Amino acid sequence: MAEAREVSQVIEKGLLKLLDTGVVSNIRGEGVVWGVECAAVGNMPADQIANACVQACYCGDSSGRAIHLLGPLAGKVIRISPPLVMPVGVGQEYLDAMHGIFVEVAQRLRGA
């Protein structure tokens, strides 16, 4: 249980960092069940932003790290639910990758 709590704290910190990307408006959840609520960017509604972020995570980053997300709920909320037994270091690595991917999505959308 102590390791699960540590993983939860790493997840929360990493997901809250997504708020600085400009494509996320809210983070909610606890433990290892989270929702990342996407924001509208320019003329693109939040549900399209959520789909763009999910697709970009499936495609992966420049290092080849891809992230399987469960897809948007209610159109604009991406579900995050990693396993309780995930090693803390692995969780941090993928949250860092996810942040980078979301930043790339935001940059691409602002340039469009």
N, C-alpha and C. Protein backbone atom coordinates (compact mmCIF):
# COMPACT_ATOMS: atom_id res chain seq x y z
N MET A 1 0.81 -1.20 0.00
CA MET A 1 0.00 0.00 0.00
C MET A 1 0.86 1.26 0.00
N ALA A 2 1.99 1.23 0.67
CA ALA A 2 2.85 2.41 0.71
C ALA A 2 3.35 2.75 -0.69
N GLU A 3 3.71 1.73 -1.46
CA GLU A 3 4.16 1.99 -2.83
C GLU A 3 3.03 2.52 -3.70
N ALA A 4 1.83 2.01 -3.50
CA ALA A 4 0.67 2.51 -4.25
C ALA A 4 0.42 3.99 -3.93
N ARG A 5 0.58 4.37 -2.66
CA ARG A 5 0.42 5.78 -2.29
C ARG A 5 1.48 6.64 -2.97
N GLU A 6 2.69 6.12 -3.03
CA GLU A 6 3.78 6.87 -3.67
C GLU A 6 3.50 7.02 -5.17
N VAL A 7 3.04 5.95 -5.81
CA VAL A 7 2.68 6.03 -7.23
C VAL A 7 1.58 7.06 -7.43
N SER A 8 0.58 7.05 -6.55
CA SER A 8 -0.52 8.01 -6.63
C SER A 8 -0.01 9.45 -6.56
N GLN A 9 0.93 9.71 -5.67
CA GLN A 9 1.48 11.06 -5.54
C GLN A 9 2.23 11.47 -6.79
N VAL A 10 2.99 10.56 -7.37
CA VAL A 10 3.72 10.84 -8.61
C VAL A 10 2.73 11.14 -9.74
N ILE A 11 1.67 10.34 -9.81
CA ILE A 11 0.64 10.55 -10.84
C ILE A 11 -0.01 11.91 -10.67
N GLU A 12 -0.41 12.23 -9.45
CA GLU A 12 -1.07 13.52 -9.21
C GLU A 12 -0.15 14.68 -9.61
N LYS A 13 1.08 14.64 -9.18
CA LYS A 13 2.02 15.72 -9.51
C LYS A 13 2.22 15.83 -11.02
N GLY A 14 2.39 14.69 -11.68
CA GLY A 14 2.60 14.70 -13.13
C GLY A 14 1.39 15.19 -13.89
N LEU A 15 0.20 14.79 -13.45
CA LEU A 15 -1.01 15.24 -14.13
C LEU A 15 -1.27 16.71 -13.89
N LEU A 16 -1.03 17.19 -12.69
CA LEU A 16 -1.21 18.62 -12.43
C LEU A 16 -0.28 19.47 -13.29
N LYS A 17 0.89 18.94 -13.61
CA LYS A 17 1.82 19.66 -14.48
C LYS A 17 1.23 19.86 -15.89
N LEU A 18 0.27 19.01 -16.28
CA LEU A 18 -0.37 19.16 -17.59
C LEU A 18 -1.16 20.46 -17.70
N LEU A 19 -1.53 21.04 -16.56
CA LEU A 19 -2.28 22.30 -16.59
C LEU A 19 -1.49 23.41 -17.27
N ASP A 20 -0.17 23.33 -17.27
CA ASP A 20 0.64 24.38 -17.89
C ASP A 20 0.78 24.23 -19.40
N THR A 21 0.18 23.21 -19.97
CA THR A 21 0.31 22.99 -21.42
C THR A 21 -0.62 23.86 -22.25
N GLY A 22 -1.69 24.34 -21.64
CA GLY A 22 -2.66 25.14 -22.38
C GLY A 22 -3.77 24.32 -23.02
N VAL A 23 -3.68 22.99 -22.97
CA VAL A 23 -4.74 22.15 -23.54
C VAL A 23 -5.54 21.43 -22.46
N VAL A 24 -5.20 21.67 -21.20
CA VAL A 24 -5.87 21.02 -20.08
C VAL A 24 -6.44 22.10 -19.16
N SER A 25 -7.71 21.94 -18.79
CA SER A 25 -8.35 22.94 -17.93
C SER A 25 -8.54 22.46 -16.50
N ASN A 26 -8.55 21.14 -16.28
CA ASN A 26 -8.81 20.64 -14.93
C ASN A 26 -8.29 19.21 -14.80
N ILE A 27 -7.82 18.89 -13.61
CA ILE A 27 -7.40 17.53 -13.25
C ILE A 27 -8.24 17.13 -12.05
N ARG A 28 -8.82 15.95 -12.11
CA ARG A 28 -9.59 15.48 -10.96
C ARG A 28 -9.36 13.99 -10.76
N GLY A 29 -9.50 13.56 -9.53
CA GLY A 29 -9.35 12.16 -9.22
C GLY A 29 -8.53 11.95 -7.98
N GLU A 30 -8.18 10.69 -7.75
CA GLU A 30 -7.33 10.32 -6.62
C GLU A 30 -6.84 8.91 -6.83
N GLY A 31 -5.84 8.54 -6.05
CA GLY A 31 -5.30 7.18 -6.17
C GLY A 31 -4.73 6.96 -7.55
N VAL A 32 -5.28 6.00 -8.25
CA VAL A 32 -4.84 5.75 -9.62
C VAL A 32 -6.01 5.85 -10.61
N VAL A 33 -7.03 6.62 -10.26
CA VAL A 33 -8.14 6.88 -11.17
C VAL A 33 -8.28 8.39 -11.30
N TRP A 34 -7.99 8.89 -12.51
CA TRP A 34 -7.93 10.33 -12.74
C TRP A 34 -8.67 10.70 -14.01
N GLY A 35 -9.06 11.96 -14.09
CA GLY A 35 -9.63 12.53 -15.29
C GLY A 35 -8.87 13.79 -15.65
N VAL A 36 -8.48 13.89 -16.91
CA VAL A 36 -7.79 15.07 -17.43
C VAL A 36 -8.78 15.78 -18.35
N GLU A 37 -9.32 16.89 -17.87
CA GLU A 37 -10.31 17.63 -18.65
C GLU A 37 -9.60 18.59 -19.60
N CYS A 38 -9.86 18.41 -20.87
CA CYS A 38 -9.21 19.24 -21.88
C CYS A 38 -9.96 20.56 -22.05
N ALA A 39 -9.23 21.56 -22.53
CA ALA A 39 -9.76 22.89 -22.75
C ALA A 39 -9.89 23.15 -24.25
N ALA A 40 -10.78 24.03 -24.59
CA ALA A 40 -10.85 24.49 -25.98
C ALA A 40 -9.60 25.32 -26.27
N VAL A 41 -9.12 25.24 -27.49
CA VAL A 41 -7.96 26.03 -27.92
C VAL A 41 -8.35 26.70 -29.23
N GLY A 42 -8.37 28.02 -29.22
CA GLY A 42 -8.78 28.75 -30.42
C GLY A 42 -10.19 28.38 -30.80
N ASN A 43 -10.38 27.98 -32.05
CA ASN A 43 -11.70 27.58 -32.54
C ASN A 43 -11.97 26.09 -32.35
N MET A 44 -11.01 25.36 -31.79
CA MET A 44 -11.17 23.92 -31.62
C MET A 44 -11.79 23.62 -30.26
N PRO A 45 -12.95 22.94 -30.25
CA PRO A 45 -13.60 22.63 -28.97
C PRO A 45 -12.82 21.60 -28.15
N ALA A 46 -13.12 21.56 -26.87
CA ALA A 46 -12.40 20.71 -25.93
C ALA A 46 -12.45 19.23 -26.30
N ASP A 47 -13.57 18.75 -26.85
CA ASP A 47 -13.65 17.33 -27.20
C ASP A 47 -12.67 16.99 -28.32
N GLN A 48 -12.47 17.90 -29.25
CA GLN A 48 -11.49 17.66 -30.32
C GLN A 48 -10.06 17.73 -29.79
N ILE A 49 -9.83 18.59 -28.81
CA ILE A 49 -8.52 18.66 -28.17
C ILE A 49 -8.23 17.33 -27.48
N ALA A 50 -9.23 16.81 -26.73
CA ALA A 50 -9.06 15.53 -26.04
C ALA A 50 -8.71 14.42 -27.03
N ASN A 51 -9.42 14.37 -28.14
CA ASN A 51 -9.13 13.34 -29.15
C ASN A 51 -7.75 13.53 -29.75
N ALA A 52 -7.34 14.76 -29.97
CA ALA A 52 -6.00 15.03 -30.52
C ALA A 52 -4.92 14.58 -29.54
N CYS A 53 -5.14 14.82 -28.25
CA CYS A 53 -4.17 14.40 -27.23
C CYS A 53 -4.08 12.89 -27.13
N VAL A 54 -5.22 12.20 -27.15
CA VAL A 54 -5.24 10.74 -27.09
C VAL A 54 -4.52 10.17 -28.31
N GLN A 55 -4.82 10.69 -29.49
CA GLN A 55 -4.19 10.20 -30.71
C GLN A 55 -2.67 10.44 -30.68
N ALA A 56 -2.26 11.60 -30.23
CA ALA A 56 -0.83 11.91 -30.16
C ALA A 56 -0.13 10.98 -29.17
N CYS A 57 -0.78 10.66 -28.06
CA CYS A 57 -0.18 9.74 -27.09
C CYS A 57 -0.04 8.34 -27.68
N TYR A 58 -1.02 7.89 -28.46
CA TYR A 58 -0.92 6.59 -29.12
C TYR A 58 0.25 6.56 -30.10
N CYS A 59 0.45 7.67 -30.81
CA CYS A 59 1.54 7.75 -31.79
C CYS A 59 2.90 7.83 -31.10
N GLY A 60 2.95 8.43 -29.93
CA GLY A 60 4.17 8.49 -29.15
C GLY A 60 5.00 9.73 -29.38
N ASP A 61 6.06 9.83 -28.59
CA ASP A 61 6.96 10.97 -28.69
C ASP A 61 8.18 10.62 -29.54
N SER A 62 9.10 11.55 -29.64
CA SER A 62 10.29 11.34 -30.48
C SER A 62 11.20 10.23 -29.97
N SER A 63 11.03 9.85 -28.71
CA SER A 63 11.81 8.75 -28.13
C SER A 63 11.13 7.40 -28.31
N GLY A 64 9.96 7.40 -28.93
CA GLY A 64 9.23 6.16 -29.16
C GLY A 64 8.35 5.72 -28.00
N ARG A 65 8.18 6.59 -27.01
CA ARG A 65 7.33 6.24 -25.87
C ARG A 65 5.89 6.58 -26.22
N ALA A 66 5.06 5.57 -26.35
CA ALA A 66 3.64 5.75 -26.63
C ALA A 66 2.86 5.45 -25.35
N ILE A 67 1.71 6.06 -25.24
CA ILE A 67 0.90 5.92 -24.03
C ILE A 67 -0.50 5.49 -24.43
N HIS A 68 -0.97 4.40 -23.86
CA HIS A 68 -2.33 3.93 -24.11
C HIS A 68 -3.28 4.62 -23.14
N LEU A 69 -4.15 5.45 -23.67
CA LEU A 69 -5.15 6.12 -22.85
C LEU A 69 -6.51 5.53 -23.18
N LEU A 70 -7.43 5.59 -22.24
CA LEU A 70 -8.73 4.97 -22.42
C LEU A 70 -9.70 5.82 -23.22
N GLY A 71 -9.29 6.99 -23.65
CA GLY A 71 -10.14 7.83 -24.48
C GLY A 71 -11.01 8.76 -23.67
N PRO A 72 -11.55 9.76 -24.34
CA PRO A 72 -12.33 10.80 -23.65
C PRO A 72 -13.69 10.31 -23.15
N LEU A 73 -14.03 10.73 -21.95
CA LEU A 73 -15.36 10.56 -21.38
C LEU A 73 -16.10 11.87 -21.55
N ALA A 74 -17.37 11.82 -21.75
CA ALA A 74 -18.16 13.04 -21.88
C ALA A 74 -17.52 13.99 -22.88
N GLY A 75 -16.80 13.40 -23.84
CA GLY A 75 -16.20 14.18 -24.91
C GLY A 75 -14.87 14.82 -24.62
N LYS A 76 -14.66 15.35 -23.41
CA LYS A 76 -13.47 16.16 -23.21
C LYS A 76 -12.59 15.73 -22.04
N VAL A 77 -12.94 14.63 -21.37
CA VAL A 77 -12.18 14.17 -20.21
C VAL A 77 -11.47 12.86 -20.55
N ILE A 78 -10.14 12.90 -20.47
CA ILE A 78 -9.33 11.71 -20.75
C ILE A 78 -9.16 10.94 -19.45
N ARG A 79 -9.46 9.65 -19.49
CA ARG A 79 -9.34 8.79 -18.31
C ARG A 79 -7.90 8.31 -18.17
N ILE A 80 -7.41 8.39 -16.95
CA ILE A 80 -6.07 7.92 -16.61
C ILE A 80 -6.23 6.92 -15.47
N SER A 81 -5.81 5.68 -15.70
CA SER A 81 -5.96 4.67 -14.66
C SER A 81 -4.85 3.62 -14.78
N PRO A 82 -3.62 3.99 -14.37
CA PRO A 82 -2.51 3.03 -14.44
C PRO A 82 -2.64 1.97 -13.33
N PRO A 83 -1.94 0.87 -13.47
CA PRO A 83 -2.01 -0.18 -12.46
C PRO A 83 -1.36 0.23 -11.14
N LEU A 84 -1.90 -0.25 -10.05
CA LEU A 84 -1.35 0.03 -8.73
C LEU A 84 0.07 -0.47 -8.56
N VAL A 85 0.44 -1.48 -9.32
CA VAL A 85 1.76 -2.09 -9.17
C VAL A 85 2.82 -1.47 -10.08
N MET A 86 2.48 -0.39 -10.75
CA MET A 86 3.43 0.28 -11.63
C MET A 86 4.60 0.84 -10.81
N PRO A 87 5.83 0.56 -11.22
CA PRO A 87 6.97 1.14 -10.51
C PRO A 87 6.95 2.67 -10.61
N VAL A 88 7.32 3.33 -9.55
CA VAL A 88 7.29 4.79 -9.48
C VAL A 88 8.09 5.41 -10.63
N GLY A 89 9.28 4.90 -10.89
CA GLY A 89 10.12 5.44 -11.96
C GLY A 89 9.48 5.35 -13.33
N VAL A 90 8.81 4.24 -13.58
CA VAL A 90 8.11 4.05 -14.86
C VAL A 90 6.97 5.05 -14.96
N GLY A 91 6.25 5.23 -13.87
CA GLY A 91 5.16 6.20 -13.88
C GLY A 91 5.66 7.60 -14.19
N GLN A 92 6.77 7.98 -13.57
CA GLN A 92 7.33 9.31 -13.81
C GLN A 92 7.77 9.46 -15.25
N GLU A 93 8.40 8.43 -15.80
CA GLU A 93 8.86 8.47 -17.20
C GLU A 93 7.69 8.72 -18.15
N TYR A 94 6.60 8.00 -17.96
CA TYR A 94 5.47 8.14 -18.86
C TYR A 94 4.71 9.44 -18.64
N LEU A 95 4.65 9.93 -17.43
CA LEU A 95 4.03 11.23 -17.20
C LEU A 95 4.85 12.35 -17.84
N ASP A 96 6.17 12.23 -17.79
CA ASP A 96 7.03 13.20 -18.47
C ASP A 96 6.80 13.15 -19.98
N ALA A 97 6.69 11.93 -20.52
CA ALA A 97 6.42 11.78 -21.95
C ALA A 97 5.06 12.37 -22.30
N MET A 98 4.06 12.11 -21.47
CA MET A 98 2.72 12.64 -21.71
C MET A 98 2.72 14.16 -21.72
N HIS A 99 3.44 14.76 -20.79
CA HIS A 99 3.54 16.21 -20.74
C HIS A 99 4.14 16.74 -22.04
N GLY A 100 5.23 16.13 -22.48
CA GLY A 100 5.87 16.56 -23.71
C GLY A 100 4.95 16.43 -24.92
N ILE A 101 4.20 15.35 -24.97
CA ILE A 101 3.26 15.14 -26.08
C ILE A 101 2.16 16.18 -26.05
N PHE A 102 1.63 16.49 -24.87
CA PHE A 102 0.58 17.51 -24.76
C PHE A 102 1.12 18.89 -25.17
N VAL A 103 2.36 19.17 -24.81
CA VAL A 103 2.98 20.44 -25.22
C VAL A 103 3.06 20.49 -26.75
N GLU A 104 3.46 19.38 -27.37
CA GLU A 104 3.55 19.33 -28.83
C GLU A 104 2.17 19.54 -29.47
N VAL A 105 1.14 18.93 -28.90
CA VAL A 105 -0.22 19.13 -29.41
C VAL A 105 -0.59 20.60 -29.31
N ALA A 106 -0.32 21.22 -28.18
CA ALA A 106 -0.65 22.64 -27.99
C ALA A 106 0.09 23.51 -29.00
N GLN A 107 1.35 23.24 -29.21
CA GLN A 107 2.13 24.02 -30.18
C GLN A 107 1.60 23.84 -31.59
N ARG A 108 1.26 22.61 -31.94
CA ARG A 108 0.73 22.33 -33.28
C ARG A 108 -0.60 23.05 -33.49
N LEU A 109 -1.46 23.04 -32.46
CA LEU A 109 -2.77 23.68 -32.58
C LEU A 109 -2.64 25.20 -32.66
N ARG A 110 -1.72 25.75 -31.93
CA ARG A 110 -1.55 27.21 -31.97
C ARG A 110 -0.95 27.66 -33.30
N GLY A 111 -0.19 26.77 -33.91
CA GLY A 111 0.41 27.10 -35.20
C GLY A 111 -0.54 26.91 -36.37
N ALA A 112 -1.63 26.18 -36.10
CA ALA A 112 -2.60 25.88 -37.17
C ALA A 112 -3.54 27.02 -37.42
